[in-house]
Amino acid sequence: MKFLVGETSQGTAVFAVRGETAINLSALHPGVGADLMGLIRHPELMDELVSAVETAHGEPVAGITPALPVAEPGTIICMGLNYTDHIKEGGYDIPEYPALFMRGRNSIMAAGQPMVRPSCSETLDYEAELMLIVGTGGRHIAKENALEHVFGYTVFNDGSVREYQRKTHQWTPGKNFDDTGAIGPFTVTPDEVPAGASGLKIESRVGDEILQSSNTANMIWDVATVIATVSEYTTLEPGDLIAMGTPPGVGHAKKPNPRWLRPGETVEIEIEGIGICASPVIDEKDLTAKVAAQ
C-alpha cells in the first residue's frame, strides 16, 4: 500500500494513495490516527481497510498538503557513507563499519515545506536518500530477519551545510540545521518494492539539471545489514527513521566549482516506485523577515 500523511481543511490524516486519488483512512477507522504510528502499532488494521479502500470515495492527491509520515519520530539515524563513488568524491577511505550519525527533530520537515539556507553559510547541499520507517522494534535483530522489522520506505533529502559539517569530526552541526531534512511525501509498504528497496533508481535534480543519478542496488550496506548493525547498540522502536546514505554527485564535489542550493530553486529527490520529495529553497533571512511581517 502507498500512504500519504497530509493536511486538508478537515485536519491532518492518513491517506491511501491510488493513482492520483487519496482515500482518507483516518476517516474510515478511528484507530488509524493522524500519522502512520496508528498503522505501525496496529498493522492488522491494514487488512481491515483493504476492502474499504476499494470502494471508498477519494479526493485528489494534489489537494493535500504533505505532513511528516511520523509526526514525532523517536530516533532519526542516518548513514554517512554508503555508496563507493560518493565516498571517493568526498576524499574518504571506504570504512569497514557504517558511518552513522543522528538528526534532531527540528532539522526535519515534510516534503513541500521550504528548505532553509541558514544566514551563517551559503554551503547548503542536497543528498538523495532512501529512508526506512521501523515497524517492529527490537534489539540484536538478526540480519536474516531484519526486513520483517520495516514498516515502509520513503524519500529523504539529507540537506547538509558543508561548512559546518567540516567544523568537527562528528558532522553534527552541518547535519542538524533547522528545516534542512525533507521527508516524504509518500511511504510505501515493503511489498510495493523489491526486497530491501534494492534496485531502485534514485535521483536528485533542480529543474532539468540532474544532480545525482544512481541505484539503491549500489549501496555498500543494504537495509537488512544496517538494521542489524544499528540494533547491536540500541533498541529500535516503532516509528524510528533510518536514512540509507546518498550516491555520488553531491554539490560540494562538483568540479570546477561546488554546486550549492540557492534560494528560489526547488530541489527534487525521486526514488523509483516511491515518489518525489520536492523542496523550495529559501534564505533564513527572508524567512525571518516574513515571520516578522506577519
C-alpha atoms as a PDB file:
ATOM      1  CA  MET A   1       0.000   0.000   0.000  1.00  0.00           C
ATOM      2  CA  LYS A   2       1.078   3.562  -0.630  1.00  0.00           C
ATOM      3  CA  PHE A   3       0.423   6.160   2.053  1.00  0.00           C
ATOM      4  CA  LEU A   4       0.356   9.930   2.275  1.00  0.00           C
ATOM      5  CA  VAL A   5       0.071  11.750   5.578  1.00  0.00           C
ATOM      6  CA  GLY A   6      -1.273  15.193   4.888  1.00  0.00           C
ATOM      7  CA  GLU A   7      -3.427  18.141   5.786  1.00  0.00           C
ATOM      8  CA  THR A   8      -6.768  19.205   4.322  1.00  0.00           C
ATOM      9  CA  SER A   9      -9.450  21.568   5.531  1.00  0.00           C
ATOM     10  CA  GLN A  10     -10.618  18.690   7.745  1.00  0.00           C
ATOM     11  CA  GLY A  11      -7.263  18.365   9.535  1.00  0.00           C
ATOM     12  CA  THR A  12      -4.291  16.004   9.328  1.00  0.00           C
ATOM     13  CA  ALA A  13      -4.998  12.432   8.251  1.00  0.00           C
ATOM     14  CA  VAL A  14      -3.512   9.282   6.761  1.00  0.00           C
ATOM     15  CA  PHE A  15      -4.456   8.593   3.154  1.00  0.00           C
ATOM     16  CA  ALA A  16      -4.105   5.519   0.968  1.00  0.00           C
ATOM     17  CA  VAL A  17      -2.931   6.606  -2.471  1.00  0.00           C
ATOM     18  CA  ARG A  18      -4.367   5.011  -5.597  1.00  0.00           C
ATOM     19  CA  GLY A  19      -3.054   6.750  -8.673  1.00  0.00           C
ATOM     20  CA  GLU A  20      -3.956  10.431  -8.351  1.00  0.00           C
ATOM     21  CA  THR A  21      -6.644   9.693  -5.773  1.00  0.00           C
ATOM     22  CA  ALA A  22      -6.269   9.553  -1.989  1.00  0.00           C
ATOM     23  CA  ILE A  23      -8.643   7.757   0.388  1.00  0.00           C
ATOM     24  CA  ASN A  24      -8.872   9.106   3.927  1.00  0.00           C
ATOM     25  CA  LEU A  25      -8.073   6.118   6.154  1.00  0.00           C
ATOM     26  CA  SER A  26      -8.339   8.173   9.335  1.00  0.00           C
ATOM     27  CA  ALA A  27     -11.996   8.813   8.500  1.00  0.00           C
ATOM     28  CA  LEU A  28     -12.608   5.136   7.769  1.00  0.00           C
ATOM     29  CA  HIS A  29     -11.230   3.850  11.070  1.00  0.00           C
ATOM     30  CA  PRO A  30     -10.592   5.820  14.298  1.00  0.00           C
ATOM     31  CA  GLY A  31      -7.616   3.621  15.154  1.00  0.00           C
ATOM     32  CA  VAL A  32      -5.594   4.967  12.227  1.00  0.00           C
ATOM     33  CA  GLY A  33      -4.969   8.371  13.785  1.00  0.00           C
ATOM     34  CA  ALA A  34      -3.279  11.400  12.243  1.00  0.00           C
ATOM     35  CA  ASP A  35       0.062   9.878  11.203  1.00  0.00           C
ATOM     36  CA  LEU A  36       1.471   6.431  10.433  1.00  0.00           C
ATOM     37  CA  MET A  37       2.009   5.466  14.072  1.00  0.00           C
ATOM     38  CA  GLY A  38      -1.508   4.026  14.340  1.00  0.00           C
ATOM     39  CA  LEU A  39      -0.844   1.602  11.490  1.00  0.00           C
ATOM     40  CA  ILE A  40       2.701   0.917  12.687  1.00  0.00           C
ATOM     41  CA  ARG A  41       1.442  -0.134  16.118  1.00  0.00           C
ATOM     42  CA  HIS A  42      -1.580  -1.964  14.723  1.00  0.00           C
ATOM     43  CA  PRO A  43      -0.660  -3.389  11.304  1.00  0.00           C
ATOM     44  CA  GLU A  44      -3.730  -5.618  11.414  1.00  0.00           C
ATOM     45  CA  LEU A  45      -5.771  -2.502  10.632  1.00  0.00           C
ATOM     46  CA  MET A  46      -4.424  -2.565   7.071  1.00  0.00           C
ATOM     47  CA  ASP A  47      -6.140  -5.911   6.441  1.00  0.00           C
ATOM     48  CA  GLU A  48      -9.419  -4.409   7.668  1.00  0.00           C
ATOM     49  CA  LEU A  49      -9.007  -1.368   5.452  1.00  0.00           C
ATOM     50  CA  VAL A  50      -8.130  -3.075   2.149  1.00  0.00           C
ATOM     51  CA  SER A  51     -11.704  -3.759   1.066  1.00  0.00           C
ATOM     52  CA  ALA A  52     -12.892  -0.372   2.310  1.00  0.00           C
ATOM     53  CA  VAL A  53     -10.240   1.387   0.235  1.00  0.00           C
ATOM     54  CA  GLU A  54     -11.502  -0.307  -2.920  1.00  0.00           C
ATOM     55  CA  THR A  55     -14.972   1.180  -2.574  1.00  0.00           C
ATOM     56  CA  ALA A  56     -14.355   4.415  -0.640  1.00  0.00           C
ATOM     57  CA  HIS A  57     -14.740   7.835  -2.237  1.00  0.00           C
ATOM     58  CA  GLY A  58     -11.368   9.525  -2.703  1.00  0.00           C
ATOM     59  CA  GLU A  59     -10.081  13.033  -3.220  1.00  0.00           C
ATOM     60  CA  PRO A  60      -7.284  14.441  -5.401  1.00  0.00           C
ATOM     61  CA  VAL A  61      -3.782  13.888  -4.068  1.00  0.00           C
ATOM     62  CA  ALA A  62      -2.877  17.342  -5.365  1.00  0.00           C
ATOM     63  CA  GLY A  63      -5.231  18.951  -2.871  1.00  0.00           C
ATOM     64  CA  ILE A  64      -3.453  17.505   0.160  1.00  0.00           C
ATOM     65  CA  THR A  65      -0.568  19.328   1.853  1.00  0.00           C
ATOM     66  CA  PRO A  66       2.041  16.741   2.921  1.00  0.00           C
ATOM     67  CA  ALA A  67       2.905  16.315   6.597  1.00  0.00           C
ATOM     68  CA  LEU A  68       5.619  14.178   8.170  1.00  0.00           C
ATOM     69  CA  PRO A  69       4.859  10.434   7.889  1.00  0.00           C
ATOM     70  CA  VAL A  70       5.695  10.107  11.593  1.00  0.00           C
ATOM     71  CA  ALA A  71       4.967  13.328  13.427  1.00  0.00           C
ATOM     72  CA  GLU A  72       7.326  12.758  16.345  1.00  0.00           C
ATOM     73  CA  PRO A  73       9.960  10.119  15.476  1.00  0.00           C
ATOM     74  CA  GLY A  74      11.857   8.850  18.481  1.00  0.00           C
ATOM     75  CA  THR A  75      15.230   8.358  16.796  1.00  0.00           C
ATOM     76  CA  ILE A  76      16.494   9.547  13.414  1.00  0.00           C
ATOM     77  CA  ILE A  77      19.610   7.618  12.405  1.00  0.00           C
ATOM     78  CA  CYS A  78      21.492   8.419   9.197  1.00  0.00           C
ATOM     79  CA  MET A  79      24.142   6.660   7.154  1.00  0.00           C
ATOM     80  CA  GLY A  80      27.007   8.895   6.102  1.00  0.00           C
ATOM     81  CA  LEU A  81      28.996   6.871   3.585  1.00  0.00           C
ATOM     82  CA  ASN A  82      27.126   4.090   1.804  1.00  0.00           C
ATOM     83  CA  TYR A  83      27.937   4.440  -1.921  1.00  0.00           C
ATOM     84  CA  THR A  84      31.529   3.792  -3.031  1.00  0.00           C
ATOM     85  CA  ASP A  85      31.679   6.605  -5.596  1.00  0.00           C
ATOM     86  CA  HIS A  86      30.273   9.107  -3.093  1.00  0.00           C
ATOM     87  CA  ILE A  87      32.965   8.088  -0.606  1.00  0.00           C
ATOM     88  CA  LYS A  88      35.639   8.656  -3.239  1.00  0.00           C
ATOM     89  CA  GLU A  89      34.314  12.068  -4.329  1.00  0.00           C
ATOM     90  CA  GLY A  90      34.426  13.192  -0.703  1.00  0.00           C
ATOM     91  CA  GLY A  91      38.022  12.093  -0.276  1.00  0.00           C
ATOM     92  CA  TYR A  92      37.264   9.466   2.356  1.00  0.00           C
ATOM     93  CA  ASP A  93      38.569   5.937   2.738  1.00  0.00           C
ATOM     94  CA  ILE A  94      35.971   3.204   2.411  1.00  0.00           C
ATOM     95  CA  PRO A  95      35.037   2.393   6.022  1.00  0.00           C
ATOM     96  CA  GLU A  96      34.885  -1.091   7.467  1.00  0.00           C
ATOM     97  CA  TYR A  97      31.929  -0.131   9.658  1.00  0.00           C
ATOM     98  CA  PRO A  98      28.959   2.049   8.657  1.00  0.00           C
ATOM     99  CA  ALA A  99      29.367   5.772   9.296  1.00  0.00           C
ATOM    100  CA  LEU A 100      26.364   6.671  11.441  1.00  0.00           C
ATOM    101  CA  PHE A 101      25.096   9.956  12.834  1.00  0.00           C
ATOM    102  CA  MET A 102      21.838  11.292  14.250  1.00  0.00           C
ATOM    103  CA  ARG A 103      19.477  14.107  13.397  1.00  0.00           C
ATOM    104  CA  GLY A 104      17.229  16.037  15.758  1.00  0.00           C
ATOM    105  CA  ARG A 105      13.520  16.698  15.296  1.00  0.00           C
ATOM    106  CA  ASN A 106      13.952  20.391  14.420  1.00  0.00           C
ATOM    107  CA  SER A 107      16.179  19.516  11.471  1.00  0.00           C
ATOM    108  CA  ILE A 108      13.466  17.640   9.565  1.00  0.00           C
ATOM    109  CA  MET A 109      10.331  18.816   7.802  1.00  0.00           C
ATOM    110  CA  ALA A 110       7.705  17.477   5.427  1.00  0.00           C
ATOM    111  CA  ALA A 111       8.177  17.342   1.678  1.00  0.00           C
ATOM    112  CA  GLY A 112       6.959  20.559   0.088  1.00  0.00           C
ATOM    113  CA  GLN A 113       7.972  22.688   3.048  1.00  0.00           C
ATOM    114  CA  PRO A 114      10.803  25.182   2.489  1.00  0.00           C
ATOM    115  CA  MET A 115      14.381  24.000   2.872  1.00  0.00           C
ATOM    116  CA  VAL A 116      16.111  26.825   4.700  1.00  0.00           C
ATOM    117  CA  ARG A 117      19.589  28.021   3.745  1.00  0.00           C
ATOM    118  CA  PRO A 118      20.995  29.410   7.008  1.00  0.00           C
ATOM    119  CA  SER A 119      22.090  33.018   7.295  1.00  0.00           C
ATOM    120  CA  CYS A 120      25.548  31.966   8.501  1.00  0.00           C
ATOM    121  CA  SER A 121      26.553  29.926   5.436  1.00  0.00           C
ATOM    122  CA  GLU A 122      25.806  29.540   1.717  1.00  0.00           C
ATOM    123  CA  THR A 123      27.093  25.942   1.584  1.00  0.00           C
ATOM    124  CA  LEU A 124      23.695  24.214   1.612  1.00  0.00           C
ATOM    125  CA  ASP A 125      23.988  20.868  -0.159  1.00  0.00           C
ATOM    126  CA  TYR A 126      21.491  18.172  -1.217  1.00  0.00           C
ATOM    127  CA  GLU A 127      21.630  14.403  -0.642  1.00  0.00           C
ATOM    128  CA  ALA A 128      19.145  11.987  -2.204  1.00  0.00           C
ATOM    129  CA  GLU A 129      18.451   9.110   0.175  1.00  0.00           C
ATOM    130  CA  LEU A 130      16.207   6.144   0.777  1.00  0.00           C
ATOM    131  CA  MET A 131      14.683   6.223   4.255  1.00  0.00           C
ATOM    132  CA  LEU A 132      13.053   3.346   6.093  1.00  0.00           C
ATOM    133  CA  ILE A 133      10.463   3.550   8.833  1.00  0.00           C
ATOM    134  CA  VAL A 134      10.790   0.953  11.576  1.00  0.00           C
ATOM    135  CA  GLY A 135       7.656  -1.092  12.149  1.00  0.00           C
ATOM    136  CA  THR A 136       8.534  -3.725  14.715  1.00  0.00           C
ATOM    137  CA  GLY A 137      11.273  -2.632  17.092  1.00  0.00           C
ATOM    138  CA  GLY A 138      13.897  -4.749  18.774  1.00  0.00           C
ATOM    139  CA  ARG A 139      17.458  -5.215  19.904  1.00  0.00           C
ATOM    140  CA  HIS A 140      20.086  -7.566  18.428  1.00  0.00           C
ATOM    141  CA  ILE A 141      17.972  -8.114  15.317  1.00  0.00           C
ATOM    142  CA  ALA A 142      19.384 -10.828  13.084  1.00  0.00           C
ATOM    143  CA  LYS A 143      20.165  -9.787   9.520  1.00  0.00           C
ATOM    144  CA  GLU A 144      18.114 -12.657   8.089  1.00  0.00           C
ATOM    145  CA  ASN A 145      15.021 -11.366   9.917  1.00  0.00           C
ATOM    146  CA  ALA A 146      15.724  -7.640   9.678  1.00  0.00           C
ATOM    147  CA  LEU A 147      13.417  -6.820   6.760  1.00  0.00           C
ATOM    148  CA  GLU A 148      10.471  -8.055   8.827  1.00  0.00           C
ATOM    149  CA  HIS A 149      11.058  -5.008  11.052  1.00  0.00           C
ATOM    150  CA  VAL A 150      10.432  -2.500   8.234  1.00  0.00           C
ATOM    151  CA  PHE A 151       7.035  -0.815   8.089  1.00  0.00           C
ATOM    152  CA  GLY A 152       7.769   1.084   4.903  1.00  0.00           C
ATOM    153  CA  TYR A 153      10.093   3.174   2.761  1.00  0.00           C
ATOM    154  CA  THR A 154      10.035   6.880   1.992  1.00  0.00           C
ATOM    155  CA  VAL A 155      12.244   9.553   0.391  1.00  0.00           C
ATOM    156  CA  PHE A 156      14.715  11.758   2.265  1.00  0.00           C
ATOM    157  CA  ASN A 157      16.790  14.802   1.330  1.00  0.00           C
ATOM    158  CA  ASP A 158      19.647  14.941   3.831  1.00  0.00           C
ATOM    159  CA  GLY A 159      20.306  18.660   3.384  1.00  0.00           C
ATOM    160  CA  SER A 160      23.787  19.418   4.695  1.00  0.00           C
ATOM    161  CA  VAL A 161      25.542  22.693   5.480  1.00  0.00           C
ATOM    162  CA  ARG A 162      29.036  21.572   4.472  1.00  0.00           C
ATOM    163  CA  GLU A 163      30.972  24.421   6.062  1.00  0.00           C
ATOM    164  CA  TYR A 164      29.601  23.431   9.456  1.00  0.00           C
ATOM    165  CA  GLN A 165      29.777  19.706   8.790  1.00  0.00           C
ATOM    166  CA  ARG A 166      33.555  20.081   8.486  1.00  0.00           C
ATOM    167  CA  LYS A 167      33.998  22.104  11.658  1.00  0.00           C
ATOM    168  CA  THR A 168      34.147  18.864  13.674  1.00  0.00           C
ATOM    169  CA  HIS A 169      34.853  15.189  13.015  1.00  0.00           C
ATOM    170  CA  GLN A 170      31.346  14.293  14.197  1.00  0.00           C
ATOM    171  CA  TRP A 171      29.381  16.088  11.424  1.00  0.00           C
ATOM    172  CA  THR A 172      26.605  17.015  13.873  1.00  0.00           C
ATOM    173  CA  PRO A 173      26.375  20.791  13.255  1.00  0.00           C
ATOM    174  CA  GLY A 174      26.189  20.551   9.484  1.00  0.00           C
ATOM    175  CA  LYS A 175      23.564  17.829   9.599  1.00  0.00           C
ATOM    176  CA  ASN A 176      21.226  19.469  12.096  1.00  0.00           C
ATOM    177  CA  PHE A 177      20.366  22.958  10.897  1.00  0.00           C
ATOM    178  CA  ASP A 178      16.650  23.641  11.292  1.00  0.00           C
ATOM    179  CA  ASP A 179      14.465  22.671   8.343  1.00  0.00           C
ATOM    180  CA  THR A 180      17.113  21.079   6.155  1.00  0.00           C
ATOM    181  CA  GLY A 181      15.989  17.414   6.051  1.00  0.00           C
ATOM    182  CA  ALA A 182      12.891  16.865   3.903  1.00  0.00           C
ATOM    183  CA  ILE A 183      10.924  13.615   4.258  1.00  0.00           C
ATOM    184  CA  GLY A 184       8.116  12.135   2.162  1.00  0.00           C
ATOM    185  CA  PRO A 185       5.601  12.745   0.916  1.00  0.00           C
ATOM    186  CA  PHE A 186       4.790   9.104   0.176  1.00  0.00           C
ATOM    187  CA  THR A 187       5.523   5.943   2.139  1.00  0.00           C
ATOM    188  CA  VAL A 188       5.233   2.517   0.525  1.00  0.00           C
ATOM    189  CA  THR A 189       4.965  -0.813   2.296  1.00  0.00           C
ATOM    190  CA  PRO A 190       7.708  -3.381   1.571  1.00  0.00           C
ATOM    191  CA  ASP A 191       5.502  -5.418  -0.780  1.00  0.00           C
ATOM    192  CA  GLU A 192       5.404  -2.451  -3.201  1.00  0.00           C
ATOM    193  CA  VAL A 193       9.170  -2.549  -3.906  1.00  0.00           C
ATOM    194  CA  PRO A 194      11.916  -5.179  -4.258  1.00  0.00           C
ATOM    195  CA  ALA A 195      13.293  -6.748  -1.070  1.00  0.00           C
ATOM    196  CA  GLY A 196      15.126  -4.128   0.963  1.00  0.00           C
ATOM    197  CA  ALA A 197      14.104  -1.494  -1.626  1.00  0.00           C
ATOM    198  CA  SER A 198      17.146  -2.554  -3.658  1.00  0.00           C
ATOM    199  CA  GLY A 199      17.390  -1.947  -7.393  1.00  0.00           C
ATOM    200  CA  LEU A 200      15.510   1.371  -7.433  1.00  0.00           C
ATOM    201  CA  LYS A 201      16.633   4.396  -9.421  1.00  0.00           C
ATOM    202  CA  ILE A 202      17.478   7.309  -7.121  1.00  0.00           C
ATOM    203  CA  GLU A 203      17.956  10.823  -8.431  1.00  0.00           C
ATOM    204  CA  SER A 204      18.202  14.466  -7.375  1.00  0.00           C
ATOM    205  CA  ARG A 205      17.626  17.430  -9.642  1.00  0.00           C
ATOM    206  CA  VAL A 206      16.818  21.126  -9.876  1.00  0.00           C
ATOM    207  CA  GLY A 207      14.583  21.732 -12.889  1.00  0.00           C
ATOM    208  CA  ASP A 208      16.181  19.944 -15.847  1.00  0.00           C
ATOM    209  CA  GLU A 209      19.576  19.806 -14.125  1.00  0.00           C
ATOM    210  CA  ILE A 210      20.255  16.264 -12.936  1.00  0.00           C
ATOM    211  CA  LEU A 211      22.486  16.430  -9.883  1.00  0.00           C
ATOM    212  CA  GLN A 212      22.653  12.779  -8.803  1.00  0.00           C
ATOM    213  CA  SER A 213      21.568   9.613 -10.575  1.00  0.00           C
ATOM    214  CA  SER A 214      22.238   6.137  -9.233  1.00  0.00           C
ATOM    215  CA  ASN A 215      20.536   2.983  -7.978  1.00  0.00           C
ATOM    216  CA  THR A 216      19.876   1.698  -4.466  1.00  0.00           C
ATOM    217  CA  ALA A 217      21.479  -1.583  -5.527  1.00  0.00           C
ATOM    218  CA  ASN A 218      24.798   0.307  -5.284  1.00  0.00           C
ATOM    219  CA  MET A 219      24.590   0.701  -1.507  1.00  0.00           C
ATOM    220  CA  ILE A 220      27.519  -0.892   0.316  1.00  0.00           C
ATOM    221  CA  TRP A 221      25.414  -1.821   3.337  1.00  0.00           C
ATOM    222  CA  ASP A 222      21.873  -2.892   2.492  1.00  0.00           C
ATOM    223  CA  VAL A 223      18.792  -2.279   4.603  1.00  0.00           C
ATOM    224  CA  ALA A 224      18.945  -5.601   6.440  1.00  0.00           C
ATOM    225  CA  THR A 225      22.608  -5.126   7.329  1.00  0.00           C
ATOM    226  CA  VAL A 226      22.038  -1.605   8.618  1.00  0.00           C
ATOM    227  CA  ILE A 227      19.094  -2.634  10.795  1.00  0.00           C
ATOM    228  CA  ALA A 228      21.130  -5.485  12.276  1.00  0.00           C
ATOM    229  CA  THR A 229      24.133  -3.203  12.846  1.00  0.00           C
ATOM    230  CA  VAL A 230      22.173  -0.385  14.481  1.00  0.00           C
ATOM    231  CA  SER A 231      20.245  -2.770  16.719  1.00  0.00           C
ATOM    232  CA  GLU A 232      23.523  -4.097  18.131  1.00  0.00           C
ATOM    233  CA  TYR A 233      23.985  -0.864  20.091  1.00  0.00           C
ATOM    234  CA  THR A 234      20.462   0.496  20.554  1.00  0.00           C
ATOM    235  CA  THR A 235      16.908  -0.729  20.806  1.00  0.00           C
ATOM    236  CA  LEU A 236      14.972   0.258  17.722  1.00  0.00           C
ATOM    237  CA  GLU A 237      11.457   1.484  18.399  1.00  0.00           C
ATOM    238  CA  PRO A 238       8.375   1.557  16.157  1.00  0.00           C
ATOM    239  CA  GLY A 239       8.403   4.773  14.126  1.00  0.00           C
ATOM    240  CA  ASP A 240      12.169   5.296  14.249  1.00  0.00           C
ATOM    241  CA  LEU A 241      13.669   6.538  10.978  1.00  0.00           C
ATOM    242  CA  ILE A 242      16.841   5.280   9.300  1.00  0.00           C
ATOM    243  CA  ALA A 243      18.318   7.080   6.269  1.00  0.00           C
ATOM    244  CA  MET A 244      20.460   4.957   3.992  1.00  0.00           C
ATOM    245  CA  GLY A 245      23.097   7.357   2.642  1.00  0.00           C
ATOM    246  CA  THR A 246      23.498   9.215  -0.631  1.00  0.00           C
ATOM    247  CA  PRO A 247      25.007   8.339  -4.033  1.00  0.00           C
ATOM    248  CA  PRO A 248      27.679  10.416  -5.825  1.00  0.00           C
ATOM    249  CA  GLY A 249      27.024  13.810  -7.354  1.00  0.00           C
ATOM    250  CA  VAL A 250      26.605  15.968  -4.253  1.00  0.00           C
ATOM    251  CA  GLY A 251      27.183  19.683  -4.617  1.00  0.00           C
ATOM    252  CA  HIS A 252      30.418  20.064  -2.667  1.00  0.00           C
ATOM    253  CA  ALA A 253      32.168  17.613  -5.011  1.00  0.00           C
ATOM    254  CA  LYS A 254      31.165  19.253  -8.293  1.00  0.00           C
ATOM    255  CA  LYS A 255      34.042  20.476 -10.479  1.00  0.00           C
ATOM    256  CA  PRO A 256      35.346  23.057 -11.110  1.00  0.00           C
ATOM    257  CA  ASN A 257      33.066  24.758  -8.558  1.00  0.00           C
ATOM    258  CA  PRO A 258      30.763  23.423  -5.832  1.00  0.00           C
ATOM    259  CA  ARG A 259      27.082  23.420  -6.689  1.00  0.00           C
ATOM    260  CA  TRP A 260      25.246  24.821  -3.649  1.00  0.00           C
ATOM    261  CA  LEU A 261      21.467  25.129  -3.447  1.00  0.00           C
ATOM    262  CA  ARG A 262      20.251  28.682  -3.978  1.00  0.00           C
ATOM    263  CA  PRO A 263      17.135  30.478  -2.736  1.00  0.00           C
ATOM    264  CA  GLY A 264      14.402  30.424  -5.373  1.00  0.00           C
ATOM    265  CA  GLU A 265      15.286  26.920  -6.592  1.00  0.00           C
ATOM    266  CA  THR A 266      13.251  23.787  -5.966  1.00  0.00           C
ATOM    267  CA  VAL A 267      15.236  20.620  -5.366  1.00  0.00           C
ATOM    268  CA  GLU A 268      13.586  17.290  -6.128  1.00  0.00           C
ATOM    269  CA  ILE A 269      14.595  13.863  -4.841  1.00  0.00           C
ATOM    270  CA  GLU A 270      12.983  10.943  -6.657  1.00  0.00           C
ATOM    271  CA  ILE A 271      13.143   7.237  -5.881  1.00  0.00           C
ATOM    272  CA  GLU A 272      11.589   4.822  -8.337  1.00  0.00           C
ATOM    273  CA  GLY A 273       8.397   3.254  -7.049  1.00  0.00           C
ATOM    274  CA  ILE A 274       8.144   5.589  -4.055  1.00  0.00           C
ATOM    275  CA  GLY A 275       7.816   9.167  -5.269  1.00  0.00           C
ATOM    276  CA  ILE A 276       9.253  12.670  -5.465  1.00  0.00           C
ATOM    277  CA  CYS A 277      10.240  14.787  -2.472  1.00  0.00           C
ATOM    278  CA  ALA A 278      10.271  18.418  -3.647  1.00  0.00           C
ATOM    279  CA  SER A 279      11.517  21.327  -1.527  1.00  0.00           C
ATOM    280  CA  PRO A 280      11.627  25.019  -2.405  1.00  0.00           C
ATOM    281  CA  VAL A 281      14.833  26.626  -1.125  1.00  0.00           C
ATOM    282  CA  ILE A 282      14.589  29.866   0.842  1.00  0.00           C
ATOM    283  CA  ASP A 283      17.066  32.015   2.724  1.00  0.00           C
ATOM    284  CA  GLU A 284      16.768  32.180   6.503  1.00  0.00           C
ATOM    285  CA  LYS A 285      16.931  35.987   6.328  1.00  0.00           C
ATOM    286  CA  ASP A 286      13.884  36.065   4.056  1.00  0.00           C
ATOM    287  CA  LEU A 287      12.056  33.630   6.321  1.00  0.00           C
ATOM    288  CA  THR A 288      12.821  35.775   9.369  1.00  0.00           C
ATOM    289  CA  ALA A 289      11.606  38.889   7.589  1.00  0.00           C
ATOM    290  CA  LYS A 290       8.393  37.138   6.506  1.00  0.00           C
ATOM    291  CA  VAL A 291       7.665  35.957  10.048  1.00  0.00           C
ATOM    292  CA  ALA A 292       8.329  39.425  11.451  1.00  0.00           C
ATOM    293  CA  ALA A 293       5.891  40.955   8.957  1.00  0.00           C
ATOM    294  CA  GLN A 294       3.048  38.616   9.917  1.00  0.00           C
END
